[in-house]
N, C-alpha and C. Protein backbone atom coordinates (compact mmCIF):
# COMPACT_ATOMS: atom_id res chain seq x y z
N MET A 1 -14.89 -13.38 -24.54
CA MET A 1 -13.58 -13.21 -23.78
C MET A 1 -13.24 -14.40 -23.24
N ALA A 2 -14.06 -15.06 -22.61
CA ALA A 2 -13.77 -16.41 -21.95
C ALA A 2 -13.33 -17.52 -23.02
N ALA A 3 -14.02 -17.38 -24.18
CA ALA A 3 -13.77 -18.47 -25.28
C ALA A 3 -12.39 -18.14 -25.73
N SER A 4 -12.03 -16.97 -25.94
CA SER A 4 -10.59 -16.67 -26.53
C SER A 4 -9.47 -17.07 -25.54
N SER A 5 -9.86 -16.85 -24.17
CA SER A 5 -8.99 -17.12 -23.16
C SER A 5 -8.83 -18.77 -23.03
N TYR A 6 -9.93 -19.45 -23.27
CA TYR A 6 -9.86 -20.82 -23.23
C TYR A 6 -9.10 -21.43 -24.42
N ALA A 7 -9.15 -20.78 -25.54
CA ALA A 7 -8.42 -21.34 -26.74
C ALA A 7 -6.99 -20.95 -26.63
N MET A 8 -6.61 -19.87 -25.86
CA MET A 8 -5.21 -19.61 -25.79
C MET A 8 -4.61 -20.54 -24.70
N GLN A 9 -5.41 -20.85 -23.61
CA GLN A 9 -4.83 -21.88 -22.64
C GLN A 9 -4.64 -23.15 -23.31
N SER A 10 -5.57 -23.63 -24.24
CA SER A 10 -5.45 -24.92 -24.79
C SER A 10 -4.22 -24.98 -25.75
N ILE A 11 -4.12 -23.86 -26.34
CA ILE A 11 -2.93 -23.85 -27.39
C ILE A 11 -1.62 -23.83 -26.68
N LEU A 12 -1.49 -23.10 -25.52
CA LEU A 12 -0.31 -23.01 -24.84
C LEU A 12 -0.04 -24.21 -23.92
N ALA A 13 -1.07 -24.98 -23.62
CA ALA A 13 -0.97 -26.12 -22.80
C ALA A 13 -0.50 -27.36 -23.70
N LYS A 14 -0.76 -27.32 -24.85
CA LYS A 14 -0.45 -28.45 -25.75
C LYS A 14 0.68 -28.05 -26.84
N PRO A 15 1.90 -28.17 -26.63
CA PRO A 15 2.94 -27.75 -27.59
C PRO A 15 2.99 -28.79 -28.68
N MET A 16 2.45 -29.94 -28.55
CA MET A 16 2.56 -30.94 -29.63
C MET A 16 1.43 -30.75 -30.47
N ILE A 17 1.57 -30.61 -31.75
CA ILE A 17 0.43 -30.38 -32.75
C ILE A 17 0.47 -31.43 -33.70
N CYS A 18 -0.59 -32.01 -33.97
CA CYS A 18 -0.78 -33.15 -34.96
C CYS A 18 -1.33 -32.85 -36.30
N ILE A 19 -0.74 -33.40 -37.40
CA ILE A 19 -1.35 -33.02 -38.78
C ILE A 19 -2.40 -34.17 -39.15
N SER A 20 -3.34 -33.72 -39.67
CA SER A 20 -4.41 -34.63 -40.04
C SER A 20 -4.85 -34.32 -41.44
N SER A 21 -5.20 -35.51 -42.21
CA SER A 21 -5.71 -35.16 -43.49
C SER A 21 -7.03 -34.65 -43.66
N ARG A 22 -7.90 -34.99 -42.65
CA ARG A 22 -9.14 -34.61 -42.58
C ARG A 22 -9.43 -33.31 -42.16
N SER A 23 -10.34 -32.49 -42.50
CA SER A 23 -10.59 -31.14 -42.17
C SER A 23 -11.49 -31.21 -41.06
N ARG A 24 -11.16 -30.39 -39.91
CA ARG A 24 -12.02 -30.23 -38.89
C ARG A 24 -12.32 -28.87 -38.60
N VAL A 25 -13.47 -28.49 -37.92
CA VAL A 25 -13.79 -27.18 -37.52
C VAL A 25 -13.81 -27.08 -36.06
N THR A 26 -13.12 -25.98 -35.51
CA THR A 26 -13.14 -25.93 -34.09
C THR A 26 -14.39 -25.48 -33.52
N GLN A 27 -14.54 -25.36 -32.31
CA GLN A 27 -15.95 -24.92 -31.73
C GLN A 27 -16.14 -23.49 -31.94
N PHE A 28 -15.20 -22.84 -32.41
CA PHE A 28 -15.31 -21.31 -32.83
C PHE A 28 -15.70 -21.12 -34.15
N GLY A 29 -15.76 -22.16 -35.00
CA GLY A 29 -16.14 -22.07 -36.62
C GLY A 29 -14.86 -21.81 -37.29
N ILE A 30 -13.57 -21.99 -36.84
CA ILE A 30 -12.36 -21.79 -37.43
C ILE A 30 -11.90 -23.16 -38.04
N PRO A 31 -11.50 -23.35 -39.25
CA PRO A 31 -11.02 -24.64 -39.71
C PRO A 31 -9.74 -25.00 -38.99
N ALA A 32 -9.58 -26.05 -38.44
CA ALA A 32 -8.52 -26.58 -37.65
C ALA A 32 -7.48 -27.18 -38.40
N VAL A 33 -6.20 -26.74 -38.63
CA VAL A 33 -5.12 -27.34 -39.24
C VAL A 33 -4.05 -27.89 -38.13
N TYR A 34 -3.87 -29.14 -38.22
CA TYR A 34 -2.96 -29.69 -37.30
C TYR A 34 -1.80 -30.01 -37.85
N MET A 35 -0.69 -29.61 -37.18
CA MET A 35 0.80 -29.94 -37.75
C MET A 35 1.43 -30.65 -36.55
N ARG A 36 2.22 -31.57 -36.80
CA ARG A 36 3.21 -32.25 -35.73
C ARG A 36 4.43 -31.65 -35.63
N ARG A 37 4.72 -31.01 -34.62
CA ARG A 37 6.18 -30.52 -34.43
C ARG A 37 6.29 -30.35 -32.86
N ASN A 38 7.47 -30.21 -32.56
CA ASN A 38 7.96 -30.05 -31.20
C ASN A 38 8.13 -28.51 -31.11
N VAL A 39 7.65 -27.87 -30.20
CA VAL A 39 7.75 -26.36 -29.93
C VAL A 39 8.52 -26.11 -28.71
N SER A 40 9.48 -25.28 -28.72
CA SER A 40 10.28 -24.96 -27.48
C SER A 40 10.29 -23.50 -27.48
N LEU A 41 10.24 -22.92 -26.34
CA LEU A 41 10.23 -21.50 -26.21
C LEU A 41 11.56 -21.11 -25.43
N ARG A 42 12.39 -20.20 -26.13
CA ARG A 42 13.71 -19.95 -25.50
C ARG A 42 13.68 -18.43 -25.34
N VAL A 43 13.92 -17.88 -24.05
CA VAL A 43 13.84 -16.53 -23.79
C VAL A 43 15.49 -16.18 -23.39
N ARG A 44 15.82 -15.09 -24.13
CA ARG A 44 17.23 -14.56 -23.91
C ARG A 44 16.95 -13.09 -23.65
N SER A 45 17.96 -12.70 -22.72
CA SER A 45 17.99 -11.21 -22.41
C SER A 45 19.51 -10.85 -22.69
N MET A 46 19.66 -9.59 -22.85
CA MET A 46 20.86 -8.93 -23.19
C MET A 46 21.10 -7.86 -22.32
N ALA A 47 22.28 -7.82 -21.57
CA ALA A 47 22.61 -6.73 -20.64
C ALA A 47 23.04 -5.50 -21.52
N GLU A 48 22.71 -4.43 -20.77
CA GLU A 48 23.07 -3.17 -21.59
C GLU A 48 24.59 -2.89 -21.81
N GLU A 49 25.32 -3.30 -20.89
CA GLU A 49 26.76 -3.29 -21.03
C GLU A 49 27.37 -4.72 -20.89
N GLU A 50 28.30 -4.95 -21.79
CA GLU A 50 29.00 -6.24 -21.66
C GLU A 50 30.04 -6.05 -20.65
N GLN A 51 30.04 -7.02 -19.67
CA GLN A 51 31.07 -6.97 -18.69
C GLN A 51 32.19 -8.06 -19.04
N PRO A 52 33.47 -7.72 -18.91
CA PRO A 52 34.50 -8.66 -19.29
C PRO A 52 34.49 -9.84 -18.23
N SER A 53 34.58 -11.03 -18.68
CA SER A 53 34.44 -12.32 -17.67
C SER A 53 35.72 -12.27 -16.96
N GLU A 54 35.53 -12.68 -15.80
CA GLU A 54 36.63 -12.73 -14.68
C GLU A 54 37.14 -14.18 -14.65
N PRO A 55 38.48 -14.33 -14.23
CA PRO A 55 39.11 -15.59 -14.17
C PRO A 55 38.25 -16.41 -13.07
N ALA A 56 38.29 -17.79 -13.37
CA ALA A 56 37.50 -18.66 -12.37
C ALA A 56 38.02 -18.69 -11.06
N SER A 57 39.31 -18.55 -10.80
CA SER A 57 39.84 -18.64 -9.59
C SER A 57 39.75 -17.05 -8.83
N PRO A 58 39.16 -16.95 -7.85
CA PRO A 58 39.02 -15.70 -7.00
C PRO A 58 40.36 -15.31 -6.51
N VAL A 59 40.71 -14.06 -6.65
CA VAL A 59 42.01 -13.54 -6.14
C VAL A 59 41.62 -12.73 -4.98
N ALA A 60 42.20 -13.07 -3.59
CA ALA A 60 41.96 -12.23 -2.54
C ALA A 60 43.00 -11.33 -2.36
N PRO A 61 42.72 -10.01 -2.05
CA PRO A 61 43.65 -9.01 -1.84
C PRO A 61 44.24 -9.13 -0.39
N PRO A 62 45.47 -8.61 -0.29
CA PRO A 62 46.07 -8.83 1.19
C PRO A 62 45.28 -8.04 2.14
N SER A 63 45.19 -8.69 3.42
CA SER A 63 44.29 -8.25 4.33
C SER A 63 44.67 -6.66 4.80
N SER A 64 45.87 -6.20 4.61
CA SER A 64 46.20 -4.84 4.90
C SER A 64 45.64 -4.01 3.89
N ALA A 65 45.33 -4.41 2.63
CA ALA A 65 44.83 -3.60 1.52
C ALA A 65 43.36 -3.49 1.47
N VAL A 66 42.64 -4.16 2.29
CA VAL A 66 41.22 -4.19 2.39
C VAL A 66 40.71 -2.85 2.99
N PRO A 67 40.04 -1.97 2.40
CA PRO A 67 39.64 -0.67 2.88
C PRO A 67 38.46 -1.00 3.68
N LYS A 68 38.18 -0.23 4.84
CA LYS A 68 37.09 -0.43 5.75
C LYS A 68 35.97 0.40 5.22
N PRO A 69 34.81 -0.17 5.16
CA PRO A 69 33.57 0.38 4.71
C PRO A 69 33.20 1.74 5.46
N GLN A 70 32.98 2.85 4.87
CA GLN A 70 32.62 3.99 5.64
C GLN A 70 31.13 4.36 5.56
N PRO A 71 30.63 4.71 6.55
CA PRO A 71 29.09 4.92 6.37
C PRO A 71 28.80 6.15 5.49
N VAL A 72 27.72 5.88 4.56
CA VAL A 72 27.43 6.97 3.68
C VAL A 72 26.36 7.62 4.12
N SER A 73 26.38 8.91 4.48
CA SER A 73 25.34 9.78 4.88
C SER A 73 24.46 10.16 3.66
N THR A 74 23.16 9.89 3.72
CA THR A 74 22.35 10.28 2.63
C THR A 74 21.66 11.45 3.27
N PRO A 75 21.62 12.61 2.35
CA PRO A 75 20.99 13.87 2.85
C PRO A 75 19.37 13.57 2.86
N SER A 76 18.79 14.15 3.79
CA SER A 76 17.33 14.12 3.79
C SER A 76 16.76 14.78 2.79
N PRO A 77 15.59 14.19 2.28
CA PRO A 77 14.88 14.77 1.05
C PRO A 77 14.23 16.17 1.48
N LYS A 78 14.27 17.01 0.42
CA LYS A 78 13.73 18.36 0.75
C LYS A 78 12.32 18.30 0.96
N VAL A 79 11.74 18.79 1.88
CA VAL A 79 10.27 18.80 2.30
C VAL A 79 9.85 20.26 2.04
N SER A 80 8.74 20.34 1.25
CA SER A 80 8.31 21.54 0.94
C SER A 80 7.52 22.16 2.13
N THR A 81 7.52 23.36 2.52
CA THR A 81 6.78 23.95 3.56
C THR A 81 5.68 24.70 3.17
N LYS A 82 5.50 24.96 2.00
CA LYS A 82 4.27 25.77 1.55
C LYS A 82 2.90 25.16 1.97
N PHE A 83 2.11 26.14 2.29
CA PHE A 83 0.84 25.69 2.76
C PHE A 83 0.09 24.81 1.76
N SER A 84 0.17 25.22 0.49
CA SER A 84 -0.68 24.60 -0.51
C SER A 84 -0.02 23.03 -0.68
N ASP A 85 1.29 22.94 -0.50
CA ASP A 85 1.82 21.63 -0.69
C ASP A 85 1.72 20.66 0.53
N VAL A 86 1.76 21.36 1.70
CA VAL A 86 1.47 20.47 2.77
C VAL A 86 0.09 20.01 2.94
N LEU A 87 -0.91 20.81 2.65
CA LEU A 87 -2.28 20.49 2.74
C LEU A 87 -3.06 19.95 1.34
N ALA A 88 -1.92 19.64 0.36
CA ALA A 88 -2.56 19.16 -0.85
C ALA A 88 -3.12 17.87 -0.68
N PHE A 89 -4.10 17.45 -1.59
CA PHE A 89 -4.69 16.07 -1.46
C PHE A 89 -3.75 14.95 -1.39
N SER A 90 -2.61 15.09 -1.97
CA SER A 90 -1.63 13.86 -1.84
C SER A 90 -0.54 14.30 -0.90
N GLY A 91 -0.69 15.41 -0.18
CA GLY A 91 0.47 16.00 0.68
C GLY A 91 0.49 15.18 2.00
N PRO A 92 1.57 15.50 2.93
CA PRO A 92 1.73 14.68 3.93
C PRO A 92 0.66 14.94 5.09
N ALA A 93 -0.09 16.13 5.09
CA ALA A 93 -0.85 16.37 6.31
C ALA A 93 -2.30 15.80 6.27
N PRO A 94 -2.98 15.84 5.14
CA PRO A 94 -4.47 15.52 5.36
C PRO A 94 -4.80 14.06 5.87
N GLU A 95 -4.07 13.03 5.32
CA GLU A 95 -4.43 11.65 5.80
C GLU A 95 -3.82 11.45 7.18
N ARG A 96 -2.75 11.92 7.60
CA ARG A 96 -2.15 11.71 8.88
C ARG A 96 -2.96 12.53 9.99
N ILE A 97 -3.37 13.66 9.58
CA ILE A 97 -4.38 14.38 10.58
C ILE A 97 -5.66 13.66 10.85
N ASN A 98 -6.24 13.35 9.68
CA ASN A 98 -7.57 12.57 9.74
C ASN A 98 -7.29 11.28 10.51
N GLY A 99 -6.28 10.56 10.12
CA GLY A 99 -6.00 9.31 10.80
C GLY A 99 -5.73 9.36 12.24
N ARG A 100 -5.11 10.40 12.72
CA ARG A 100 -4.85 10.64 14.10
C ARG A 100 -6.09 10.99 14.90
N LEU A 101 -6.95 11.78 14.22
CA LEU A 101 -8.14 12.08 14.78
C LEU A 101 -9.24 10.97 14.99
N ALA A 102 -9.09 10.07 13.89
CA ALA A 102 -9.89 8.90 13.84
C ALA A 102 -9.55 8.01 14.94
N MET A 103 -8.15 7.76 15.14
CA MET A 103 -7.66 6.92 16.15
C MET A 103 -8.19 7.37 17.59
N ILE A 104 -8.08 8.67 17.79
CA ILE A 104 -8.51 9.13 19.16
C ILE A 104 -10.14 9.15 19.16
N GLY A 105 -10.68 9.54 18.15
CA GLY A 105 -12.19 9.29 18.11
C GLY A 105 -12.75 7.98 18.33
N PHE A 106 -12.06 7.06 17.70
CA PHE A 106 -12.57 5.66 17.81
C PHE A 106 -12.37 5.05 19.28
N VAL A 107 -11.26 5.37 19.86
CA VAL A 107 -11.11 4.96 21.21
C VAL A 107 -11.80 5.76 22.11
N ALA A 108 -12.20 6.93 21.90
CA ALA A 108 -12.98 7.82 22.89
C ALA A 108 -14.45 7.29 22.83
N ALA A 109 -14.77 7.05 21.53
CA ALA A 109 -16.21 6.62 21.41
C ALA A 109 -16.54 5.37 22.06
N MET A 110 -15.52 4.33 21.77
CA MET A 110 -15.81 3.12 22.49
C MET A 110 -15.66 3.15 24.08
N ALA A 111 -14.78 3.96 24.53
CA ALA A 111 -14.57 4.14 26.07
C ALA A 111 -15.88 4.70 26.63
N VAL A 112 -16.38 5.67 25.90
CA VAL A 112 -17.70 6.38 26.46
C VAL A 112 -18.85 5.47 26.40
N GLU A 113 -18.89 4.61 25.29
CA GLU A 113 -19.82 3.60 25.12
C GLU A 113 -19.92 2.59 26.29
N VAL A 114 -18.64 2.14 26.45
CA VAL A 114 -18.51 1.11 27.46
C VAL A 114 -18.88 1.75 28.91
N ALA A 115 -18.40 2.88 29.10
CA ALA A 115 -18.44 3.53 30.57
C ALA A 115 -19.93 4.04 30.78
N LYS A 116 -20.52 4.80 29.82
CA LYS A 116 -21.80 5.34 30.05
C LYS A 116 -23.05 4.69 29.20
N GLY A 117 -22.61 3.79 28.38
CA GLY A 117 -23.76 3.30 27.53
C GLY A 117 -24.41 3.87 26.58
N GLN A 118 -23.58 5.07 26.16
CA GLN A 118 -24.17 5.96 25.06
C GLN A 118 -23.53 5.66 23.82
N GLY A 119 -24.43 5.66 22.65
CA GLY A 119 -23.92 5.39 21.40
C GLY A 119 -23.27 6.64 20.74
N VAL A 120 -22.64 6.45 19.66
CA VAL A 120 -21.92 7.65 19.04
C VAL A 120 -22.79 8.71 18.76
N PHE A 121 -24.02 8.50 18.18
CA PHE A 121 -24.94 9.71 17.95
C PHE A 121 -25.44 10.34 19.20
N GLU A 122 -25.53 9.62 20.29
CA GLU A 122 -25.98 10.22 21.61
C GLU A 122 -24.69 11.03 22.10
N GLN A 123 -23.57 10.58 21.85
CA GLN A 123 -22.37 11.24 22.55
C GLN A 123 -22.26 12.71 21.77
N ILE A 124 -22.44 12.70 20.44
CA ILE A 124 -22.50 13.87 19.60
C ILE A 124 -23.41 14.91 20.21
N SER A 125 -24.77 14.38 20.22
CA SER A 125 -25.82 15.22 20.66
C SER A 125 -25.79 15.71 22.03
N ASN A 126 -25.15 15.05 23.03
CA ASN A 126 -25.04 15.47 24.44
C ASN A 126 -23.71 16.21 24.69
N GLY A 127 -23.39 17.04 23.88
CA GLY A 127 -22.15 17.88 24.03
C GLY A 127 -20.91 17.41 23.57
N GLY A 128 -21.01 16.59 22.46
CA GLY A 128 -19.75 16.11 22.05
C GLY A 128 -18.96 16.88 20.94
N ILE A 129 -19.71 17.82 20.50
CA ILE A 129 -19.27 18.82 19.29
C ILE A 129 -18.10 19.65 19.93
N PRO A 130 -18.15 20.28 21.12
CA PRO A 130 -17.21 21.16 21.52
C PRO A 130 -15.82 20.39 21.71
N TRP A 131 -16.06 19.08 22.28
CA TRP A 131 -14.87 18.24 22.56
C TRP A 131 -14.17 17.90 21.17
N PHE A 132 -15.07 17.60 20.20
CA PHE A 132 -14.53 17.09 18.90
C PHE A 132 -13.69 18.36 18.30
N LEU A 133 -14.35 19.55 18.38
CA LEU A 133 -13.68 20.63 17.76
C LEU A 133 -12.55 21.10 18.49
N GLY A 134 -12.51 21.07 19.71
CA GLY A 134 -11.29 21.30 20.64
C GLY A 134 -10.13 20.32 20.25
N THR A 135 -10.38 19.12 20.29
CA THR A 135 -9.42 18.05 19.93
C THR A 135 -8.79 18.10 18.45
N SER A 136 -9.82 18.56 17.55
CA SER A 136 -9.41 18.61 16.26
C SER A 136 -8.47 19.85 16.05
N VAL A 137 -8.69 20.92 16.74
CA VAL A 137 -7.85 21.95 16.63
C VAL A 137 -6.44 21.77 17.12
N VAL A 138 -6.41 21.13 18.25
CA VAL A 138 -5.15 20.95 19.10
C VAL A 138 -4.22 19.95 18.19
N LEU A 139 -4.93 18.84 17.92
CA LEU A 139 -4.10 17.86 16.98
C LEU A 139 -3.65 18.38 15.66
N THR A 140 -4.58 19.05 15.00
CA THR A 140 -4.28 19.59 13.67
C THR A 140 -3.05 20.61 13.82
N LEU A 141 -2.94 21.51 14.87
CA LEU A 141 -1.94 22.42 15.03
C LEU A 141 -0.71 21.67 15.48
N ALA A 142 -0.80 20.66 16.35
CA ALA A 142 0.40 19.80 16.57
C ALA A 142 0.95 18.95 15.62
N SER A 143 0.19 18.66 14.54
CA SER A 143 0.63 18.00 13.45
C SER A 143 1.30 18.85 12.23
N LEU A 144 0.67 20.12 12.20
CA LEU A 144 1.12 20.99 11.18
C LEU A 144 2.41 21.73 11.53
N ILE A 145 2.59 21.81 12.76
CA ILE A 145 3.81 22.73 13.01
C ILE A 145 5.13 22.07 12.69
N PRO A 146 5.38 20.88 12.86
CA PRO A 146 6.68 20.20 12.43
C PRO A 146 6.66 20.12 10.92
N LEU A 147 5.43 20.03 10.26
CA LEU A 147 5.55 20.01 8.85
C LEU A 147 5.85 21.37 8.14
N PHE A 148 5.42 22.32 8.77
CA PHE A 148 5.78 23.75 8.29
C PHE A 148 7.15 24.20 8.56
N GLN A 149 7.72 23.61 9.50
CA GLN A 149 9.20 23.58 10.04
C GLN A 149 10.12 22.77 9.02
N GLY A 150 9.63 22.02 8.19
CA GLY A 150 10.45 21.11 7.21
C GLY A 150 10.65 19.78 7.79
N VAL A 151 10.24 19.40 8.87
CA VAL A 151 10.49 18.06 9.41
C VAL A 151 9.40 17.01 8.74
N SER A 152 10.07 15.93 8.02
CA SER A 152 9.23 15.02 7.46
C SER A 152 8.85 13.86 8.54
N VAL A 153 7.72 13.33 8.46
CA VAL A 153 7.21 12.25 9.44
C VAL A 153 8.30 11.09 9.25
N GLU A 154 8.61 10.70 8.00
CA GLU A 154 9.31 9.65 7.74
C GLU A 154 10.82 9.75 8.37
N SER A 155 11.23 10.89 8.56
CA SER A 155 12.57 11.02 9.22
C SER A 155 12.68 10.84 10.76
N ARG A 156 11.44 10.83 11.38
CA ARG A 156 11.32 10.64 12.76
C ARG A 156 10.93 9.30 13.10
N SER A 157 10.58 8.34 12.07
CA SER A 157 10.03 7.17 12.34
C SER A 157 11.09 6.00 12.28
N LYS A 158 11.22 5.35 13.34
CA LYS A 158 12.22 4.23 13.23
C LYS A 158 11.52 3.07 13.99
N GLY A 159 12.01 1.72 13.69
CA GLY A 159 11.56 0.64 14.36
C GLY A 159 10.09 0.37 14.25
N PHE A 160 9.49 -0.05 15.31
CA PHE A 160 8.10 -0.54 15.48
C PHE A 160 7.05 0.54 15.18
N MET A 161 7.39 1.68 15.68
CA MET A 161 6.56 2.87 15.57
C MET A 161 6.82 3.65 14.29
N SER A 162 6.56 3.02 13.10
CA SER A 162 7.07 3.63 11.83
C SER A 162 5.78 4.67 11.23
N SER A 163 6.16 5.40 10.34
CA SER A 163 5.09 6.26 9.80
C SER A 163 4.13 5.51 8.91
N ASP A 164 4.50 4.25 8.44
CA ASP A 164 3.63 3.41 7.63
C ASP A 164 2.63 2.79 8.50
N ALA A 165 3.12 2.32 9.77
CA ALA A 165 2.14 1.86 10.74
C ALA A 165 1.18 2.87 11.29
N GLU A 166 1.63 4.16 11.53
CA GLU A 166 0.66 5.07 11.81
C GLU A 166 -0.29 5.34 10.77
N LEU A 167 0.05 5.41 9.41
CA LEU A 167 -1.01 5.41 8.42
C LEU A 167 -1.94 4.29 8.43
N TRP A 168 -1.49 3.15 8.54
CA TRP A 168 -2.35 2.08 8.53
C TRP A 168 -3.35 2.04 9.66
N ASN A 169 -2.86 2.33 10.98
CA ASN A 169 -3.50 2.41 12.07
C ASN A 169 -4.73 3.42 11.96
N GLY A 170 -4.36 4.54 11.27
CA GLY A 170 -5.33 5.58 11.07
C GLY A 170 -6.21 5.15 10.02
N ARG A 171 -5.99 4.57 8.94
CA ARG A 171 -6.98 4.02 8.07
C ARG A 171 -7.95 3.05 8.58
N PHE A 172 -7.46 2.07 9.48
CA PHE A 172 -8.21 1.12 10.28
C PHE A 172 -9.23 1.95 11.13
N ALA A 173 -8.64 2.95 11.84
CA ALA A 173 -9.50 3.74 12.76
C ALA A 173 -10.59 4.47 12.06
N MET A 174 -10.27 4.98 10.86
CA MET A 174 -11.35 5.73 10.00
C MET A 174 -12.47 4.79 9.87
N LEU A 175 -12.12 3.62 9.30
CA LEU A 175 -13.06 2.53 8.89
C LEU A 175 -13.76 2.06 10.13
N GLY A 176 -13.18 1.83 11.32
CA GLY A 176 -13.72 1.58 12.43
C GLY A 176 -14.83 2.50 12.98
N LEU A 177 -14.37 3.68 12.85
CA LEU A 177 -15.44 4.74 13.41
C LEU A 177 -16.59 4.75 12.56
N VAL A 178 -16.48 4.64 11.22
CA VAL A 178 -17.65 4.65 10.31
C VAL A 178 -18.47 3.37 10.51
N ALA A 179 -17.72 2.23 10.64
CA ALA A 179 -18.43 1.02 10.90
C ALA A 179 -19.25 0.96 12.24
N LEU A 180 -18.62 1.59 13.28
CA LEU A 180 -19.26 1.72 14.51
C LEU A 180 -20.61 2.49 14.50
N ALA A 181 -20.42 3.72 13.73
CA ALA A 181 -21.70 4.67 13.55
C ALA A 181 -22.69 3.84 12.73
N PHE A 182 -22.24 3.18 11.70
CA PHE A 182 -23.27 2.39 10.72
C PHE A 182 -23.82 1.40 11.53
N THR A 183 -23.19 0.59 12.33
CA THR A 183 -23.79 -0.60 13.03
C THR A 183 -24.62 -0.06 14.05
N GLU A 184 -24.40 0.98 14.81
CA GLU A 184 -25.32 1.58 15.79
C GLU A 184 -26.60 2.09 15.12
N PHE A 185 -26.41 2.68 13.86
CA PHE A 185 -27.57 3.21 13.15
C PHE A 185 -28.48 2.15 12.75
N VAL A 186 -28.07 1.08 12.11
CA VAL A 186 -28.72 -0.06 11.68
C VAL A 186 -29.34 -0.83 12.91
N LYS A 187 -28.58 -1.06 13.99
CA LYS A 187 -29.16 -1.73 15.12
C LYS A 187 -30.11 -0.97 15.94
N GLY A 188 -29.94 0.30 15.83
CA GLY A 188 -30.88 1.09 16.62
C GLY A 188 -30.48 1.36 18.00
N GLY A 189 -29.24 1.10 18.46
CA GLY A 189 -28.83 1.22 19.80
C GLY A 189 -27.39 1.10 19.82
N THR A 190 -26.82 0.95 20.97
CA THR A 190 -25.47 0.88 21.18
C THR A 190 -24.83 -0.45 20.69
N LEU A 191 -23.64 -0.35 20.49
CA LEU A 191 -22.95 -1.79 19.98
C LEU A 191 -22.65 -2.77 21.14
N VAL A 192 -22.18 -2.01 22.36
CA VAL A 192 -21.89 -2.81 23.44
C VAL A 192 -23.04 -2.99 24.46
């Protein structure tokens, strides 16, 4: 694979090819034939529809004939409210809900670790499961209700707090929570 890629790079890098009367063999065992010629590559593209050419001098319409641009309202995309579509693997709910839970979980785990000196596994074993389940139920319901009403997350996101930013923050929080637990497991104690 590397030899063929090297051969192609050397062929493409040297467009001048020389003719020699003596026969040579390349490093790949192929007889080398050298010809001297200039090679140029020309790329052309064709438009699907031919446009008639316009005159070189631009013609400006009178200022009173210029129409004012009107805002075009784009209809919001239809969002499925079926339970199987909302909670599908590639649906709008699973990654957002898991990301929201991870963001809250990471911040809570770090806050308790700094305040009380307990690691993630200590927090879970000392009564953290009811808190986790309660938070999960509340956030899941709060996330699913608008989706079942047909409101998409993208329709509500504008500016700095966009839906893409929420997805990326959730992904990083999921990674951070796993990295925190793994680091504490390997270290044998709290991170801080």
